[in-house]
Amino acid sequence: MAQVEKRGGLLRKSSASKKPLKEKVVLMYDEIFMTEDPSKCSPRFWEELFLMKVNLEYLEGKLESLDGEELMKIKDNINCLFQHCIQALGEEHPIRVVNALQTLCALIRGVHQKNKSTSGFDIINMLMGFDKAELCMKVRHKLQMCLWVSASDSC
């Protein structure tokens, strides 16, 4: 079987007769970076995304290539990706958890790099939106309390 060179999410470079072949996860990242909600056309989009191996190089490069205005245009999709990463961390399937955590790390790093000179509030707004930030913090606090109670019960 022929060895396939994999660079920047490309499985095959373009030629005169063939278009470049991209990894499915890269195609899904590209959908996230559009202005439309990727789950509109594919209801299982988020479930499938976290079953695929993360391409950190491509995801971080994509975030890096956007300017502030472009990032704001896809803020809703960034918020959605962040929320689905958080939800997937609670999954029982270990592959989903690992992939969600890696995606979350790349997302936080990428958004932080874009907003270094701004306040932490801008980063929170870009990742989860102010409207959901308080709710997320309350849920996080409740989870910590549950984990603390269950850990003390097992001792």
N, C-alpha and C. Protein backbone atom coordinates (compact mmCIF):
# COMPACT_ATOMS: atom_id res chain seq x y z
N MET A 1 0.84 -1.18 0.00
CA MET A 1 0.00 0.00 0.00
C MET A 1 0.89 1.24 0.00
N ALA A 2 0.55 2.21 -0.79
CA ALA A 2 1.35 3.43 -0.93
C ALA A 2 1.26 4.29 0.32
N GLN A 3 2.36 4.92 0.66
CA GLN A 3 2.41 5.82 1.80
C GLN A 3 1.83 7.17 1.38
N VAL A 4 0.96 7.72 2.19
CA VAL A 4 0.33 9.00 1.88
C VAL A 4 0.98 10.08 2.74
N GLU A 5 1.45 11.14 2.09
CA GLU A 5 2.03 12.26 2.82
C GLU A 5 0.89 13.13 3.35
N LYS A 6 0.96 13.43 4.64
CA LYS A 6 -0.11 14.18 5.28
C LYS A 6 0.45 15.50 5.80
N ARG A 7 0.12 16.61 5.15
CA ARG A 7 0.59 17.94 5.56
C ARG A 7 -0.58 18.89 5.58
N GLY A 8 -0.76 19.56 6.70
CA GLY A 8 -1.80 20.58 6.79
C GLY A 8 -3.19 20.06 6.49
N GLY A 9 -3.45 18.78 6.80
CA GLY A 9 -4.76 18.21 6.58
C GLY A 9 -4.99 17.67 5.18
N LEU A 10 -3.99 17.80 4.31
CA LEU A 10 -4.13 17.28 2.95
C LEU A 10 -3.63 15.85 2.90
N LEU A 11 -4.45 14.97 2.35
CA LEU A 11 -4.03 13.59 2.14
C LEU A 11 -3.42 13.43 0.76
N ARG A 12 -3.80 14.32 -0.16
CA ARG A 12 -3.26 14.27 -1.52
C ARG A 12 -3.22 15.69 -2.06
N LYS A 13 -2.11 16.04 -2.67
CA LYS A 13 -2.00 17.35 -3.30
C LYS A 13 -2.80 17.35 -4.59
N SER A 14 -3.19 18.53 -5.03
CA SER A 14 -3.96 18.62 -6.27
C SER A 14 -3.06 18.35 -7.46
N SER A 15 -3.67 17.83 -8.49
CA SER A 15 -2.97 17.62 -9.76
C SER A 15 -3.90 18.10 -10.86
N ALA A 16 -3.47 17.93 -12.09
CA ALA A 16 -4.28 18.40 -13.22
C ALA A 16 -5.65 17.72 -13.26
N SER A 17 -5.69 16.45 -12.85
CA SER A 17 -6.94 15.70 -12.98
C SER A 17 -7.69 15.52 -11.66
N LYS A 18 -7.03 15.77 -10.53
CA LYS A 18 -7.68 15.50 -9.25
C LYS A 18 -7.58 16.70 -8.32
N LYS A 19 -8.67 16.91 -7.55
CA LYS A 19 -8.66 17.96 -6.53
C LYS A 19 -7.90 17.44 -5.32
N PRO A 20 -7.40 18.36 -4.47
CA PRO A 20 -6.71 17.89 -3.27
C PRO A 20 -7.68 17.13 -2.36
N LEU A 21 -7.19 16.08 -1.76
CA LEU A 21 -8.00 15.26 -0.86
C LEU A 21 -7.68 15.67 0.57
N LYS A 22 -8.71 16.07 1.31
CA LYS A 22 -8.52 16.52 2.69
C LYS A 22 -9.08 15.49 3.66
N GLU A 23 -8.51 15.47 4.87
CA GLU A 23 -9.04 14.63 5.93
C GLU A 23 -10.47 15.08 6.24
N LYS A 24 -11.31 14.15 6.68
CA LYS A 24 -12.69 14.51 7.00
C LYS A 24 -12.73 15.52 8.15
N VAL A 25 -11.86 15.35 9.14
CA VAL A 25 -11.85 16.28 10.27
C VAL A 25 -11.49 17.69 9.80
N VAL A 26 -10.63 17.81 8.82
CA VAL A 26 -10.25 19.12 8.28
C VAL A 26 -11.45 19.75 7.56
N LEU A 27 -12.18 18.95 6.82
CA LEU A 27 -13.39 19.45 6.16
C LEU A 27 -14.41 19.94 7.19
N MET A 28 -14.49 19.22 8.31
CA MET A 28 -15.42 19.62 9.36
C MET A 28 -14.96 20.91 10.03
N TYR A 29 -13.66 21.06 10.25
CA TYR A 29 -13.13 22.32 10.79
C TYR A 29 -13.48 23.47 9.85
N ASP A 30 -13.32 23.23 8.55
CA ASP A 30 -13.65 24.27 7.56
C ASP A 30 -15.11 24.69 7.67
N GLU A 31 -16.00 23.72 7.94
CA GLU A 31 -17.42 24.04 8.11
C GLU A 31 -17.64 24.92 9.33
N ILE A 32 -16.90 24.66 10.40
CA ILE A 32 -17.02 25.47 11.61
C ILE A 32 -16.61 26.91 11.34
N PHE A 33 -15.61 27.08 10.47
CA PHE A 33 -15.10 28.42 10.18
C PHE A 33 -15.90 29.15 9.11
N MET A 34 -17.03 28.60 8.73
CA MET A 34 -17.98 29.30 7.85
C MET A 34 -18.95 30.05 8.77
N THR A 35 -19.78 30.90 8.21
CA THR A 35 -20.72 31.66 9.04
C THR A 35 -21.99 30.89 9.37
N GLU A 36 -22.25 29.81 8.68
CA GLU A 36 -23.44 28.99 8.94
C GLU A 36 -23.17 27.99 10.06
N ASP A 37 -24.21 27.59 10.76
CA ASP A 37 -24.11 26.56 11.79
C ASP A 37 -23.89 25.21 11.08
N PRO A 38 -22.78 24.52 11.35
CA PRO A 38 -22.50 23.28 10.64
C PRO A 38 -23.49 22.15 10.93
N SER A 39 -24.19 22.23 12.05
CA SER A 39 -25.13 21.16 12.38
C SER A 39 -26.47 21.32 11.68
N LYS A 40 -26.68 22.43 10.96
CA LYS A 40 -27.92 22.61 10.20
C LYS A 40 -28.05 21.56 9.11
N CYS A 41 -26.96 21.34 8.39
CA CYS A 41 -26.98 20.38 7.28
C CYS A 41 -26.71 18.95 7.76
N SER A 42 -26.01 18.83 8.86
CA SER A 42 -25.64 17.52 9.37
C SER A 42 -25.93 17.46 10.87
N PRO A 43 -27.11 16.94 11.25
CA PRO A 43 -27.50 16.92 12.66
C PRO A 43 -26.52 16.18 13.58
N ARG A 44 -25.78 15.24 13.04
CA ARG A 44 -24.82 14.46 13.85
C ARG A 44 -23.40 15.04 13.78
N PHE A 45 -23.29 16.26 13.29
CA PHE A 45 -21.99 16.89 13.09
C PHE A 45 -21.12 16.82 14.33
N TRP A 46 -21.64 17.26 15.48
CA TRP A 46 -20.83 17.34 16.69
C TRP A 46 -20.48 15.96 17.23
N GLU A 47 -21.39 15.01 17.11
CA GLU A 47 -21.09 13.64 17.54
C GLU A 47 -19.94 13.06 16.73
N GLU A 48 -19.98 13.27 15.43
CA GLU A 48 -18.94 12.74 14.55
C GLU A 48 -17.60 13.44 14.75
N LEU A 49 -17.63 14.74 14.99
CA LEU A 49 -16.39 15.50 15.12
C LEU A 49 -15.49 14.94 16.21
N PHE A 50 -16.05 14.63 17.36
CA PHE A 50 -15.23 14.19 18.48
C PHE A 50 -14.85 12.71 18.42
N LEU A 51 -15.31 12.01 17.40
CA LEU A 51 -14.86 10.63 17.18
C LEU A 51 -13.62 10.58 16.29
N MET A 52 -13.30 11.70 15.66
CA MET A 52 -12.14 11.76 14.75
C MET A 52 -10.93 12.34 15.45
N LYS A 53 -9.77 11.84 15.04
CA LYS A 53 -8.52 12.32 15.61
C LYS A 53 -8.36 13.81 15.30
N VAL A 54 -8.01 14.57 16.31
CA VAL A 54 -7.84 16.02 16.19
C VAL A 54 -6.62 16.33 15.33
N ASN A 55 -6.76 17.30 14.45
CA ASN A 55 -5.62 17.80 13.68
C ASN A 55 -5.28 19.17 14.26
N LEU A 56 -4.46 19.14 15.32
CA LEU A 56 -4.12 20.38 16.03
C LEU A 56 -3.45 21.40 15.14
N GLU A 57 -2.54 20.93 14.30
CA GLU A 57 -1.80 21.83 13.41
C GLU A 57 -2.77 22.63 12.53
N TYR A 58 -3.74 21.94 11.95
CA TYR A 58 -4.68 22.61 11.06
C TYR A 58 -5.61 23.55 11.84
N LEU A 59 -6.14 23.06 12.96
CA LEU A 59 -7.08 23.86 13.75
C LEU A 59 -6.42 25.13 14.27
N GLU A 60 -5.22 24.99 14.83
CA GLU A 60 -4.51 26.17 15.34
C GLU A 60 -4.12 27.12 14.21
N GLY A 61 -3.71 26.56 13.08
CA GLY A 61 -3.36 27.38 11.93
C GLY A 61 -4.55 28.15 11.39
N LYS A 62 -5.69 27.50 11.39
CA LYS A 62 -6.92 28.14 10.91
C LYS A 62 -7.29 29.32 11.82
N LEU A 63 -7.23 29.10 13.12
CA LEU A 63 -7.52 30.18 14.07
C LEU A 63 -6.52 31.32 13.91
N GLU A 64 -5.26 30.97 13.74
CA GLU A 64 -4.20 31.98 13.60
C GLU A 64 -4.37 32.81 12.33
N SER A 65 -4.90 32.20 11.28
CA SER A 65 -5.03 32.90 9.99
C SER A 65 -6.15 33.94 9.97
N LEU A 66 -7.06 33.87 10.93
CA LEU A 66 -8.19 34.80 10.95
C LEU A 66 -7.82 36.10 11.64
N ASP A 67 -8.31 37.21 11.11
CA ASP A 67 -8.13 38.48 11.83
C ASP A 67 -9.31 38.64 12.79
N GLY A 68 -9.28 39.68 13.59
CA GLY A 68 -10.30 39.90 14.61
C GLY A 68 -11.71 39.99 14.06
N GLU A 69 -11.85 40.66 12.92
CA GLU A 69 -13.17 40.83 12.30
C GLU A 69 -13.72 39.49 11.81
N GLU A 70 -12.86 38.69 11.19
CA GLU A 70 -13.29 37.37 10.70
C GLU A 70 -13.68 36.47 11.87
N LEU A 71 -12.92 36.56 12.95
CA LEU A 71 -13.21 35.77 14.14
C LEU A 71 -14.57 36.14 14.72
N MET A 72 -14.88 37.44 14.74
CA MET A 72 -16.18 37.89 15.25
C MET A 72 -17.34 37.39 14.39
N LYS A 73 -17.11 37.24 13.09
CA LYS A 73 -18.16 36.75 12.20
C LYS A 73 -18.55 35.31 12.52
N ILE A 74 -17.61 34.54 13.02
CA ILE A 74 -17.90 33.13 13.32
C ILE A 74 -18.00 32.88 14.83
N LYS A 75 -18.19 33.95 15.59
CA LYS A 75 -18.26 33.85 17.06
C LYS A 75 -19.30 32.83 17.51
N ASP A 76 -20.46 32.81 16.87
CA ASP A 76 -21.50 31.85 17.26
C ASP A 76 -21.02 30.42 17.09
N ASN A 77 -20.29 30.15 16.00
CA ASN A 77 -19.77 28.80 15.79
C ASN A 77 -18.66 28.47 16.78
N ILE A 78 -17.84 29.46 17.14
CA ILE A 78 -16.80 29.26 18.16
C ILE A 78 -17.47 28.94 19.49
N ASN A 79 -18.51 29.70 19.83
CA ASN A 79 -19.27 29.43 21.07
C ASN A 79 -19.84 28.02 21.06
N CYS A 80 -20.38 27.63 19.93
CA CYS A 80 -20.99 26.31 19.78
C CYS A 80 -19.93 25.21 19.92
N LEU A 81 -18.79 25.40 19.28
CA LEU A 81 -17.70 24.43 19.39
C LEU A 81 -17.25 24.31 20.84
N PHE A 82 -17.09 25.44 21.51
CA PHE A 82 -16.68 25.44 22.92
C PHE A 82 -17.69 24.66 23.76
N GLN A 83 -18.98 24.94 23.59
CA GLN A 83 -20.02 24.26 24.35
C GLN A 83 -20.02 22.76 24.10
N HIS A 84 -19.86 22.36 22.84
CA HIS A 84 -19.86 20.94 22.52
C HIS A 84 -18.61 20.24 23.06
N CYS A 85 -17.49 20.95 23.10
CA CYS A 85 -16.28 20.40 23.73
C CYS A 85 -16.54 20.13 25.20
N ILE A 86 -17.13 21.10 25.89
CA ILE A 86 -17.43 20.95 27.32
C ILE A 86 -18.39 19.78 27.54
N GLN A 87 -19.42 19.69 26.71
CA GLN A 87 -20.38 18.59 26.84
C GLN A 87 -19.70 17.24 26.62
N ALA A 88 -18.83 17.17 25.63
CA ALA A 88 -18.15 15.91 25.30
C ALA A 88 -17.20 15.47 26.41
N LEU A 89 -16.73 16.40 27.23
CA LEU A 89 -15.86 16.02 28.35
C LEU A 89 -16.59 15.13 29.35
N GLY A 90 -17.92 15.21 29.36
CA GLY A 90 -18.72 14.38 30.26
C GLY A 90 -19.12 13.04 29.66
N GLU A 91 -18.71 12.77 28.44
CA GLU A 91 -19.06 11.52 27.76
C GLU A 91 -18.35 10.32 28.42
N GLU A 92 -18.91 9.15 28.22
CA GLU A 92 -18.27 7.93 28.72
C GLU A 92 -17.23 7.41 27.73
N HIS A 93 -17.39 7.74 26.47
CA HIS A 93 -16.49 7.25 25.43
C HIS A 93 -15.15 7.97 25.55
N PRO A 94 -14.06 7.28 25.91
CA PRO A 94 -12.77 7.95 26.15
C PRO A 94 -12.20 8.68 24.94
N ILE A 95 -12.45 8.17 23.74
CA ILE A 95 -11.94 8.83 22.53
C ILE A 95 -12.58 10.21 22.38
N ARG A 96 -13.86 10.29 22.63
CA ARG A 96 -14.56 11.59 22.54
C ARG A 96 -14.01 12.57 23.58
N VAL A 97 -13.77 12.07 24.78
CA VAL A 97 -13.26 12.93 25.85
C VAL A 97 -11.88 13.48 25.48
N VAL A 98 -10.99 12.61 25.03
CA VAL A 98 -9.63 13.03 24.66
C VAL A 98 -9.67 14.02 23.50
N ASN A 99 -10.44 13.71 22.48
CA ASN A 99 -10.53 14.60 21.31
C ASN A 99 -11.16 15.94 21.67
N ALA A 100 -12.16 15.92 22.53
CA ALA A 100 -12.79 17.17 22.97
C ALA A 100 -11.81 18.01 23.78
N LEU A 101 -11.03 17.36 24.62
CA LEU A 101 -10.05 18.09 25.44
C LEU A 101 -8.96 18.71 24.56
N GLN A 102 -8.48 17.95 23.58
CA GLN A 102 -7.46 18.50 22.67
C GLN A 102 -8.03 19.66 21.85
N THR A 103 -9.25 19.51 21.39
CA THR A 103 -9.90 20.58 20.62
C THR A 103 -10.08 21.81 21.49
N LEU A 104 -10.52 21.59 22.72
CA LEU A 104 -10.72 22.69 23.66
C LEU A 104 -9.41 23.44 23.92
N CYS A 105 -8.34 22.70 24.11
CA CYS A 105 -7.02 23.33 24.34
C CYS A 105 -6.61 24.18 23.14
N ALA A 106 -6.77 23.64 21.93
CA ALA A 106 -6.42 24.39 20.72
C ALA A 106 -7.29 25.63 20.58
N LEU A 107 -8.56 25.49 20.89
CA LEU A 107 -9.50 26.60 20.78
C LEU A 107 -9.15 27.71 21.78
N ILE A 108 -8.91 27.34 23.01
CA ILE A 108 -8.55 28.33 24.03
C ILE A 108 -7.24 29.01 23.68
N ARG A 109 -6.25 28.22 23.27
CA ARG A 109 -4.95 28.78 22.89
C ARG A 109 -5.10 29.74 21.71
N GLY A 110 -5.86 29.31 20.70
CA GLY A 110 -6.04 30.14 19.50
C GLY A 110 -6.76 31.44 19.78
N VAL A 111 -7.83 31.38 20.58
CA VAL A 111 -8.58 32.59 20.91
C VAL A 111 -7.74 33.50 21.81
N HIS A 112 -7.01 32.91 22.72
CA HIS A 112 -6.14 33.71 23.60
C HIS A 112 -5.07 34.44 22.79
N GLN A 113 -4.46 33.75 21.83
CA GLN A 113 -3.43 34.38 20.98
C GLN A 113 -4.00 35.58 20.23
N LYS A 114 -5.24 35.47 19.79
CA LYS A 114 -5.88 36.56 19.04
C LYS A 114 -6.24 37.74 19.94
N ASN A 115 -6.45 37.46 21.22
CA ASN A 115 -6.96 38.48 22.14
C ASN A 115 -5.98 38.81 23.26
N LYS A 116 -4.69 38.62 23.02
CA LYS A 116 -3.69 38.87 24.06
C LYS A 116 -3.76 40.29 24.62
N SER A 117 -3.97 41.24 23.75
CA SER A 117 -3.94 42.64 24.17
C SER A 117 -5.26 43.12 24.76
N THR A 118 -6.29 42.30 24.69
CA THR A 118 -7.59 42.71 25.21
C THR A 118 -7.83 42.09 26.58
N SER A 119 -8.95 42.41 27.17
CA SER A 119 -9.26 41.90 28.51
C SER A 119 -9.71 40.44 28.46
N GLY A 120 -9.69 39.82 29.61
CA GLY A 120 -10.16 38.44 29.73
C GLY A 120 -11.63 38.31 29.37
N PHE A 121 -12.36 39.42 29.51
CA PHE A 121 -13.78 39.39 29.17
C PHE A 121 -13.98 39.13 27.68
N ASP A 122 -13.10 39.66 26.85
CA ASP A 122 -13.20 39.42 25.40
C ASP A 122 -12.99 37.95 25.08
N ILE A 123 -12.07 37.33 25.79
CA ILE A 123 -11.80 35.91 25.57
C ILE A 123 -13.00 35.08 26.00
N ILE A 124 -13.56 35.39 27.16
CA ILE A 124 -14.76 34.69 27.64
C ILE A 124 -15.90 34.87 26.65
N ASN A 125 -16.09 36.08 26.17
CA ASN A 125 -17.16 36.35 25.21
C ASN A 125 -16.95 35.55 23.92
N MET A 126 -15.72 35.50 23.44
CA MET A 126 -15.44 34.77 22.19
C MET A 126 -15.65 33.27 22.37
N LEU A 127 -15.26 32.73 23.51
CA LEU A 127 -15.36 31.29 23.72
C LEU A 127 -16.78 30.82 24.05
N MET A 128 -17.43 31.51 24.97
CA MET A 128 -18.74 31.01 25.38
C MET A 128 -19.86 32.02 25.31
N GLY A 129 -19.54 33.28 25.10
CA GLY A 129 -20.57 34.31 25.05
C GLY A 129 -20.95 34.75 26.45
N PHE A 130 -21.11 36.05 26.64
CA PHE A 130 -21.46 36.56 27.97
C PHE A 130 -22.79 36.01 28.45
N ASP A 131 -23.72 35.82 27.52
CA ASP A 131 -25.05 35.36 27.89
C ASP A 131 -25.02 33.97 28.53
N LYS A 132 -24.03 33.16 28.17
CA LYS A 132 -23.95 31.80 28.71
C LYS A 132 -22.86 31.64 29.77
N ALA A 133 -22.02 32.64 29.92
CA ALA A 133 -20.88 32.53 30.84
C ALA A 133 -21.32 32.29 32.28
N GLU A 134 -22.31 33.05 32.75
CA GLU A 134 -22.75 32.88 34.13
C GLU A 134 -23.34 31.50 34.35
N LEU A 135 -24.16 31.04 33.42
CA LEU A 135 -24.75 29.71 33.53
C LEU A 135 -23.66 28.64 33.54
N CYS A 136 -22.66 28.77 32.67
CA CYS A 136 -21.56 27.81 32.63
C CYS A 136 -20.81 27.77 33.96
N MET A 137 -20.59 28.92 34.55
CA MET A 137 -19.87 28.97 35.83
C MET A 137 -20.71 28.34 36.94
N LYS A 138 -22.02 28.53 36.92
CA LYS A 138 -22.89 27.91 37.92
C LYS A 138 -22.88 26.39 37.77
N VAL A 139 -22.96 25.91 36.55
CA VAL A 139 -22.93 24.47 36.29
C VAL A 139 -21.59 23.89 36.74
N ARG A 140 -20.51 24.59 36.43
CA ARG A 140 -19.17 24.15 36.83
C ARG A 140 -19.08 24.05 38.35
N HIS A 141 -19.62 25.04 39.05
CA HIS A 141 -19.60 25.03 40.51
C HIS A 141 -20.39 23.84 41.05
N LYS A 142 -21.57 23.59 40.47
CA LYS A 142 -22.39 22.46 40.92
C LYS A 142 -21.67 21.14 40.68
N LEU A 143 -20.99 21.01 39.54
CA LEU A 143 -20.23 19.79 39.25
C LEU A 143 -19.11 19.60 40.26
N GLN A 144 -18.41 20.67 40.57
CA GLN A 144 -17.34 20.58 41.57
C GLN A 144 -17.89 20.14 42.91
N MET A 145 -19.04 20.68 43.30
CA MET A 145 -19.65 20.29 44.57
C MET A 145 -20.04 18.81 44.56
N CYS A 146 -20.60 18.35 43.45
CA CYS A 146 -20.98 16.94 43.33
C CYS A 146 -19.75 16.04 43.40
N LEU A 147 -18.70 16.42 42.71
CA LEU A 147 -17.47 15.64 42.73
C LEU A 147 -16.85 15.64 44.11
N TRP A 148 -16.89 16.77 44.78
CA TRP A 148 -16.33 16.87 46.12
C TRP A 148 -17.10 15.99 47.09
N VAL A 149 -18.45 16.01 47.01
CA VAL A 149 -19.30 15.20 47.88
C VAL A 149 -19.07 13.72 47.60
N SER A 150 -19.04 13.32 46.33
CA SER A 150 -18.86 11.90 46.00
C SER A 150 -17.46 11.43 46.38
N ALA A 151 -16.46 12.29 46.29
CA ALA A 151 -15.10 11.91 46.67
C ALA A 151 -15.01 11.74 48.18
N SER A 152 -15.69 12.59 48.94
CA SER A 152 -15.64 12.47 50.40
C SER A 152 -16.44 11.27 50.88
N ASP A 153 -17.48 10.87 50.14
CA ASP A 153 -18.26 9.68 50.48
C ASP A 153 -17.46 8.40 50.30
N SER A 154 -16.58 8.38 49.33
CA SER A 154 -15.82 7.16 49.03
C SER A 154 -14.63 6.97 49.96
N CYS A 155 -14.29 7.99 50.74
CA CYS A 155 -13.13 7.89 51.65
C CYS A 155 -13.45 7.13 52.89
